[in-house]
Amino acid sequence: MLSLYTNLAARLQRNEQGATAVEYGIMVGLIAVVIIVAVSLLGTTLQDMFVQVQCKIGGGVFTPGVGAASGTCVQS
């Protein structure tokens, strides 16, 4: 009877690795969702920032866009 209990306890301890893998999978999924939301919210702002830097390097004047529209660069 003692060996049956010991055998069962050993099997239960080995099965915890599957639960850990599922937890890591859920964590990776949540991180991916946060990254997708952040990129979609900041996408236009980041694009405007890069266009503004490119414009200033080229010696132009940056005009920001309205709403979701991206800004434009006018070379002087």
PDB file of N, CA and C in Angstrom:
ATOM      1  N   MET A   1       0.824  -1.194   0.000  1.00  0.00           N
ATOM      2  CA  MET A   1       0.000   0.000   0.000  1.00  0.00           C
ATOM      3  C   MET A   1       0.867   1.256   0.000  1.00  0.00           C
ATOM      4  N   LEU A   2       1.973   1.226   0.727  1.00  0.00           N
ATOM      5  CA  LEU A   2       2.865   2.371   0.786  1.00  0.00           C
ATOM      6  C   LEU A   2       3.502   2.640  -0.569  1.00  0.00           C
ATOM      7  N   SER A   3       3.839   1.577  -1.287  1.00  0.00           N
ATOM      8  CA  SER A   3       4.447   1.758  -2.611  1.00  0.00           C
ATOM      9  C   SER A   3       3.449   2.364  -3.593  1.00  0.00           C
ATOM     10  N   LEU A   4       2.158   2.023  -3.468  1.00  0.00           N
ATOM     11  CA  LEU A   4       1.125   2.609  -4.331  1.00  0.00           C
ATOM     12  C   LEU A   4       1.023   4.111  -4.088  1.00  0.00           C
ATOM     13  N   TYR A   5       1.041   4.522  -2.828  1.00  0.00           N
ATOM     14  CA  TYR A   5       0.993   5.942  -2.476  1.00  0.00           C
ATOM     15  C   TYR A   5       2.232   6.682  -2.977  1.00  0.00           C
ATOM     16  N   THR A   6       3.384   6.099  -2.811  1.00  0.00           N
ATOM     17  CA  THR A   6       4.639   6.700  -3.255  1.00  0.00           C
ATOM     18  C   THR A   6       4.652   6.847  -4.773  1.00  0.00           C
ATOM     19  N   ASN A   7       4.172   5.825  -5.458  1.00  0.00           N
ATOM     20  CA  ASN A   7       4.103   5.848  -6.921  1.00  0.00           C
ATOM     21  C   ASN A   7       3.148   6.951  -7.392  1.00  0.00           C
ATOM     22  N   LEU A   8       2.004   7.086  -6.747  1.00  0.00           N
ATOM     23  CA  LEU A   8       1.024   8.116  -7.109  1.00  0.00           C
ATOM     24  C   LEU A   8       1.581   9.515  -6.842  1.00  0.00           C
ATOM     25  N   ALA A   9       2.253   9.688  -5.718  1.00  0.00           N
ATOM     26  CA  ALA A   9       2.838  10.983  -5.381  1.00  0.00           C
ATOM     27  C   ALA A   9       3.924  11.367  -6.386  1.00  0.00           C
ATOM     28  N   ALA A  10       4.715  10.407  -6.820  1.00  0.00           N
ATOM     29  CA  ALA A  10       5.767  10.673  -7.811  1.00  0.00           C
ATOM     30  C   ALA A  10       5.153  11.083  -9.148  1.00  0.00           C
ATOM     31  N   ARG A  11       4.062  10.447  -9.543  1.00  0.00           N
ATOM     32  CA  ARG A  11       3.400  10.806 -10.811  1.00  0.00           C
ATOM     33  C   ARG A  11       2.805  12.209 -10.759  1.00  0.00           C
ATOM     34  N   LEU A  12       2.219  12.575  -9.630  1.00  0.00           N
ATOM     35  CA  LEU A  12       1.626  13.903  -9.499  1.00  0.00           C
ATOM     36  C   LEU A  12       2.695  14.991  -9.556  1.00  0.00           C
ATOM     37  N   GLN A  13       3.857  14.744  -8.995  1.00  0.00           N
ATOM     38  CA  GLN A  13       4.930  15.732  -9.040  1.00  0.00           C
ATOM     39  C   GLN A  13       5.447  15.913 -10.454  1.00  0.00           C
ATOM     40  N   ARG A  14       5.484  14.871 -11.254  1.00  0.00           N
ATOM     41  CA  ARG A  14       5.966  14.971 -12.634  1.00  0.00           C
ATOM     42  C   ARG A  14       4.977  15.713 -13.522  1.00  0.00           C
ATOM     43  N   ASN A  15       3.691  15.683 -13.196  1.00  0.00           N
ATOM     44  CA  ASN A  15       2.677  16.308 -14.048  1.00  0.00           C
ATOM     45  C   ASN A  15       2.610  17.823 -13.886  1.00  0.00           C
ATOM     46  N   GLU A  16       3.337  18.412 -12.956  1.00  0.00           N
ATOM     47  CA  GLU A  16       3.313  19.856 -12.769  1.00  0.00           C
ATOM     48  C   GLU A  16       4.020  20.595 -13.893  1.00  0.00           C
ATOM     49  N   GLN A  17       4.878  19.943 -14.637  1.00  0.00           N
ATOM     50  CA  GLN A  17       5.589  20.598 -15.734  1.00  0.00           C
ATOM     51  C   GLN A  17       4.626  21.022 -16.831  1.00  0.00           C
ATOM     52  N   GLY A  18       3.579  20.260 -17.068  1.00  0.00           N
ATOM     53  CA  GLY A  18       2.589  20.632 -18.070  1.00  0.00           C
ATOM     54  C   GLY A  18       1.858  21.906 -17.687  1.00  0.00           C
ATOM     55  N   ALA A  19       1.538  22.040 -16.410  1.00  0.00           N
ATOM     56  CA  ALA A  19       0.860  23.250 -15.935  1.00  0.00           C
ATOM     57  C   ALA A  19       1.768  24.466 -16.097  1.00  0.00           C
ATOM     58  N   THR A  20       3.049  24.296 -15.848  1.00  0.00           N
ATOM     59  CA  THR A  20       3.984  25.409 -16.000  1.00  0.00           C
ATOM     60  C   THR A  20       4.063  25.845 -17.451  1.00  0.00           C
ATOM     61  N   ALA A  21       4.075  24.885 -18.370  1.00  0.00           N
ATOM     62  CA  ALA A  21       4.123  25.219 -19.796  1.00  0.00           C
ATOM     63  C   ALA A  21       2.876  25.978 -20.222  1.00  0.00           C
ATOM     64  N   VAL A  22       1.725  25.591 -19.702  1.00  0.00           N
ATOM     65  CA  VAL A  22       0.477  26.297 -20.032  1.00  0.00           C
ATOM     66  C   VAL A  22       0.517  27.718 -19.486  1.00  0.00           C
ATOM     67  N   GLU A  23       1.026  27.888 -18.283  1.00  0.00           N
ATOM     68  CA  GLU A  23       1.125  29.229 -17.708  1.00  0.00           C
ATOM     69  C   GLU A  23       2.045  30.119 -18.532  1.00  0.00           C
ATOM     70  N   TYR A  24       3.174  29.580 -18.967  1.00  0.00           N
ATOM     71  CA  TYR A  24       4.077  30.352 -19.814  1.00  0.00           C
ATOM     72  C   TYR A  24       3.419  30.687 -21.149  1.00  0.00           C
ATOM     73  N   GLY A  25       2.653  29.770 -21.689  1.00  0.00           N
ATOM     74  CA  GLY A  25       1.945  30.029 -22.942  1.00  0.00           C
ATOM     75  C   GLY A  25       0.941  31.159 -22.807  1.00  0.00           C
ATOM     76  N   ILE A  26       0.213  31.168 -21.708  1.00  0.00           N
ATOM     77  CA  ILE A  26      -0.758  32.247 -21.457  1.00  0.00           C
ATOM     78  C   ILE A  26      -0.034  33.571 -21.281  1.00  0.00           C
ATOM     79  N   MET A  27       1.091  33.555 -20.575  1.00  0.00           N
ATOM     80  CA  MET A  27       1.858  34.777 -20.363  1.00  0.00           C
ATOM     81  C   MET A  27       2.380  35.331 -21.695  1.00  0.00           C
ATOM     82  N   VAL A  28       2.894  34.468 -22.563  1.00  0.00           N
ATOM     83  CA  VAL A  28       3.391  34.908 -23.869  1.00  0.00           C
ATOM     84  C   VAL A  28       2.254  35.471 -24.707  1.00  0.00           C
ATOM     85  N   GLY A  29       1.089  34.846 -24.636  1.00  0.00           N
ATOM     86  CA  GLY A  29      -0.073  35.357 -25.368  1.00  0.00           C
ATOM     87  C   GLY A  29      -0.490  36.741 -24.899  1.00  0.00           C
ATOM     88  N   LEU A  30      -0.497  36.954 -23.598  1.00  0.00           N
ATOM     89  CA  LEU A  30      -0.866  38.267 -23.058  1.00  0.00           C
ATOM     90  C   LEU A  30       0.159  39.332 -23.432  1.00  0.00           C
ATOM     91  N   ILE A  31       1.431  38.980 -23.417  1.00  0.00           N
ATOM     92  CA  ILE A  31       2.466  39.929 -23.822  1.00  0.00           C
ATOM     93  C   ILE A  31       2.294  40.295 -25.287  1.00  0.00           C
ATOM     94  N   ALA A  32       1.966  39.318 -26.122  1.00  0.00           N
ATOM     95  CA  ALA A  32       1.750  39.593 -27.545  1.00  0.00           C
ATOM     96  C   ALA A  32       0.571  40.542 -27.746  1.00  0.00           C
ATOM     97  N   VAL A  33      -0.499  40.353 -26.995  1.00  0.00           N
ATOM     98  CA  VAL A  33      -1.667  41.240 -27.103  1.00  0.00           C
ATOM     99  C   VAL A  33      -1.294  42.661 -26.697  1.00  0.00           C
ATOM    100  N   VAL A  34      -0.520  42.815 -25.634  1.00  0.00           N
ATOM    101  CA  VAL A  34      -0.104  44.149 -25.186  1.00  0.00           C
ATOM    102  C   VAL A  34       0.763  44.821 -26.249  1.00  0.00           C
ATOM    103  N   ILE A  35       1.665  44.069 -26.870  1.00  0.00           N
ATOM    104  CA  ILE A  35       2.517  44.636 -27.918  1.00  0.00           C
ATOM    105  C   ILE A  35       1.685  45.068 -29.120  1.00  0.00           C
ATOM    106  N   ILE A  36       0.719  44.250 -29.525  1.00  0.00           N
ATOM    107  CA  ILE A  36      -0.134  44.590 -30.675  1.00  0.00           C
ATOM    108  C   ILE A  36      -0.937  45.850 -30.389  1.00  0.00           C
ATOM    109  N   VAL A  37      -1.499  45.958 -29.196  1.00  0.00           N
ATOM    110  CA  VAL A  37      -2.284  47.156 -28.834  1.00  0.00           C
ATOM    111  C   VAL A  37      -1.390  48.389 -28.805  1.00  0.00           C
ATOM    112  N   ALA A  38      -0.204  48.270 -28.231  1.00  0.00           N
ATOM    113  CA  ALA A  38       0.706  49.419 -28.143  1.00  0.00           C
ATOM    114  C   ALA A  38       1.139  49.877 -29.527  1.00  0.00           C
ATOM    115  N   VAL A  39       1.452  48.951 -30.403  1.00  0.00           N
ATOM    116  CA  VAL A  39       1.887  49.330 -31.757  1.00  0.00           C
ATOM    117  C   VAL A  39       0.737  49.966 -32.529  1.00  0.00           C
ATOM    118  N   SER A  40      -0.466  49.436 -32.379  1.00  0.00           N
ATOM    119  CA  SER A  40      -1.594  50.018 -33.115  1.00  0.00           C
ATOM    120  C   SER A  40      -1.942  51.419 -32.593  1.00  0.00           C
ATOM    121  N   LEU A  41      -1.792  51.648 -31.282  1.00  0.00           N
ATOM    122  CA  LEU A  41      -2.092  52.973 -30.736  1.00  0.00           C
ATOM    123  C   LEU A  41      -0.995  53.992 -31.039  1.00  0.00           C
ATOM    124  N   LEU A  42       0.253  53.557 -31.068  1.00  0.00           N
ATOM    125  CA  LEU A  42       1.364  54.482 -31.261  1.00  0.00           C
ATOM    126  C   LEU A  42       1.890  54.495 -32.686  1.00  0.00           C
ATOM    127  N   GLY A  43       1.315  53.707 -33.573  1.00  0.00           N
ATOM    128  CA  GLY A  43       1.832  53.573 -34.930  1.00  0.00           C
ATOM    129  C   GLY A  43       1.940  54.886 -35.680  1.00  0.00           C
ATOM    130  N   THR A  44       0.873  55.670 -35.702  1.00  0.00           N
ATOM    131  CA  THR A  44       0.875  56.935 -36.434  1.00  0.00           C
ATOM    132  C   THR A  44       1.833  57.935 -35.788  1.00  0.00           C
ATOM    133  N   THR A  45       1.866  57.955 -34.463  1.00  0.00           N
ATOM    134  CA  THR A  45       2.762  58.866 -33.760  1.00  0.00           C
ATOM    135  C   THR A  45       4.217  58.537 -34.073  1.00  0.00           C
ATOM    136  N   LEU A  46       4.550  57.266 -34.065  1.00  0.00           N
ATOM    137  CA  LEU A  46       5.924  56.862 -34.384  1.00  0.00           C
ATOM    138  C   LEU A  46       6.270  57.189 -35.834  1.00  0.00           C
ATOM    139  N   GLN A  47       5.315  56.981 -36.730  1.00  0.00           N
ATOM    140  CA  GLN A  47       5.565  57.282 -38.135  1.00  0.00           C
ATOM    141  C   GLN A  47       5.818  58.779 -38.314  1.00  0.00           C
ATOM    142  N   ASP A  48       5.023  59.613 -37.670  1.00  0.00           N
ATOM    143  CA  ASP A  48       5.228  61.063 -37.738  1.00  0.00           C
ATOM    144  C   ASP A  48       6.592  61.467 -37.176  1.00  0.00           C
ATOM    145  N   MET A  49       6.989  60.808 -36.084  1.00  0.00           N
ATOM    146  CA  MET A  49       8.272  61.138 -35.478  1.00  0.00           C
ATOM    147  C   MET A  49       9.422  60.828 -36.441  1.00  0.00           C
ATOM    148  N   PHE A  50       9.369  59.680 -37.112  1.00  0.00           N
ATOM    149  CA  PHE A  50      10.432  59.314 -38.040  1.00  0.00           C
ATOM    150  C   PHE A  50      10.432  60.219 -39.279  1.00  0.00           C
ATOM    151  N   VAL A  51       9.252  60.591 -39.749  1.00  0.00           N
ATOM    152  CA  VAL A  51       9.174  61.517 -40.890  1.00  0.00           C
ATOM    153  C   VAL A  51       9.732  62.876 -40.495  1.00  0.00           C
ATOM    154  N   GLN A  52       9.438  63.324 -39.264  1.00  0.00           N
ATOM    155  CA  GLN A  52       9.943  64.613 -38.783  1.00  0.00           C
ATOM    156  C   GLN A  52      11.469  64.594 -38.690  1.00  0.00           C
ATOM    157  N   VAL A  53      12.046  63.529 -38.176  1.00  0.00           N
ATOM    158  CA  VAL A  53      13.504  63.430 -38.076  1.00  0.00           C
ATOM    159  C   VAL A  53      14.125  63.413 -39.461  1.00  0.00           C
ATOM    160  N   GLN A  54      13.529  62.637 -40.372  1.00  0.00           N
ATOM    161  CA  GLN A  54      14.039  62.570 -41.746  1.00  0.00           C
ATOM    162  C   GLN A  54      13.955  63.941 -42.412  1.00  0.00           C
ATOM    163  N   CYS A  55      12.876  64.654 -42.151  1.00  0.00           N
ATOM    164  CA  CYS A  55      12.684  65.978 -42.746  1.00  0.00           C
ATOM    165  C   CYS A  55      13.725  66.965 -42.221  1.00  0.00           C
ATOM    166  N   LYS A  56      13.964  66.952 -40.917  1.00  0.00           N
ATOM    167  CA  LYS A  56      14.937  67.879 -40.336  1.00  0.00           C
ATOM    168  C   LYS A  56      16.348  67.576 -40.818  1.00  0.00           C
ATOM    169  N   ILE A  57      16.670  66.302 -41.006  1.00  0.00           N
ATOM    170  CA  ILE A  57      17.992  65.943 -41.518  1.00  0.00           C
ATOM    171  C   ILE A  57      18.162  66.449 -42.940  1.00  0.00           C
ATOM    172  N   GLY A  58      17.075  66.385 -43.711  1.00  0.00           N
ATOM    173  CA  GLY A  58      17.124  66.847 -45.099  1.00  0.00           C
ATOM    174  C   GLY A  58      16.982  68.348 -45.251  1.00  0.00           C
ATOM    175  N   GLY A  59      16.743  69.075 -44.160  1.00  0.00           N
ATOM    176  CA  GLY A  59      16.638  70.523 -44.226  1.00  0.00           C
ATOM    177  C   GLY A  59      15.252  71.026 -44.581  1.00  0.00           C
ATOM    178  N   GLY A  60      14.233  70.209 -44.428  1.00  0.00           N
ATOM    179  CA  GLY A  60      12.872  70.626 -44.763  1.00  0.00           C
ATOM    180  C   GLY A  60      12.089  71.085 -43.554  1.00  0.00           C
ATOM    181  N   VAL A  61      10.808  71.375 -43.779  1.00  0.00           N
ATOM    182  CA  VAL A  61       9.897  71.806 -42.723  1.00  0.00           C
ATOM    183  C   VAL A  61       8.806  70.752 -42.603  1.00  0.00           C
ATOM    184  N   PHE A  62       8.605  70.243 -41.391  1.00  0.00           N
ATOM    185  CA  PHE A  62       7.618  69.198 -41.140  1.00  0.00           C
ATOM    186  C   PHE A  62       6.279  69.814 -40.807  1.00  0.00           C
ATOM    187  N   THR A  63       5.206  69.332 -41.460  1.00  0.00           N
ATOM    188  CA  THR A  63       3.848  69.753 -41.166  1.00  0.00           C
ATOM    189  C   THR A  63       3.088  68.548 -40.635  1.00  0.00           C
ATOM    190  N   PRO A  64       2.661  68.578 -39.361  1.00  0.00           N
ATOM    191  CA  PRO A  64       1.971  67.408 -38.803  1.00  0.00           C
ATOM    192  C   PRO A  64       0.627  67.181 -39.470  1.00  0.00           C
ATOM    193  N   GLY A  65       0.238  65.889 -39.537  1.00  0.00           N
ATOM    194  CA  GLY A  65      -1.051  65.529 -40.109  1.00  0.00           C
ATOM    195  C   GLY A  65      -2.174  65.738 -39.114  1.00  0.00           C
ATOM    196  N   VAL A  66      -3.409  65.708 -39.598  1.00  0.00           N
ATOM    197  CA  VAL A  66      -4.583  65.884 -38.750  1.00  0.00           C
ATOM    198  C   VAL A  66      -5.232  64.522 -38.542  1.00  0.00           C
ATOM    199  N   GLY A  67      -5.547  64.181 -37.294  1.00  0.00           N
ATOM    200  CA  GLY A  67      -6.180  62.898 -36.986  1.00  0.00           C
ATOM    201  C   GLY A  67      -5.230  61.748 -37.229  1.00  0.00           C
ATOM    202  N   ALA A  68      -5.679  60.787 -38.034  1.00  0.00           N
ATOM    203  CA  ALA A  68      -4.859  59.602 -38.309  1.00  0.00           C
ATOM    204  C   ALA A  68      -3.934  59.810 -39.489  1.00  0.00           C
ATOM    205  N   ALA A  69      -4.018  60.993 -40.138  1.00  0.00           N
ATOM    206  CA  ALA A  69      -3.179  61.255 -41.298  1.00  0.00           C
ATOM    207  C   ALA A  69      -1.744  61.506 -40.868  1.00  0.00           C
ATOM    208  N   SER A  70      -0.822  61.024 -41.668  1.00  0.00           N
ATOM    209  CA  SER A  70       0.588  61.209 -41.370  1.00  0.00           C
ATOM    210  C   SER A  70       1.014  62.592 -41.813  1.00  0.00           C
ATOM    211  N   GLY A  71       2.040  63.141 -41.141  1.00  0.00           N
ATOM    212  CA  GLY A  71       2.553  64.458 -41.489  1.00  0.00           C
ATOM    213  C   GLY A  71       3.319  64.425 -42.799  1.00  0.00           C
ATOM    214  N   THR A  72       3.609  65.623 -43.307  1.00  0.00           N
ATOM    215  CA  THR A  72       4.315  65.742 -44.579  1.00  0.00           C
ATOM    216  C   THR A  72       5.563  66.609 -44.379  1.00  0.00           C
ATOM    217  N   CYS A  73       6.493  66.451 -45.293  1.00  0.00           N
ATOM    218  CA  CYS A  73       7.740  67.198 -45.257  1.00  0.00           C
ATOM    219  C   CYS A  73       7.820  68.066 -46.506  1.00  0.00           C
ATOM    220  N   VAL A  74       8.074  69.364 -46.307  1.00  0.00           N
ATOM    221  CA  VAL A  74       8.234  70.284 -47.418  1.00  0.00           C
ATOM    222  C   VAL A  74       9.689  70.731 -47.422  1.00  0.00           C
ATOM    223  N   GLN A  75      10.389  70.436 -48.514  1.00  0.00           N
ATOM    224  CA  GLN A  75      11.798  70.808 -48.627  1.00  0.00           C
ATOM    225  C   GLN A  75      11.901  72.294 -48.949  1.00  0.00           C
ATOM    226  N   SER A  76      12.790  72.978 -48.241  1.00  0.00           N
ATOM    227  CA  SER A  76      12.942  74.417 -48.493  1.00  0.00           C
ATOM    228  C   SER A  76      14.130  74.711 -49.359  1.00  0.00           C
TER     229      SER A  76
END
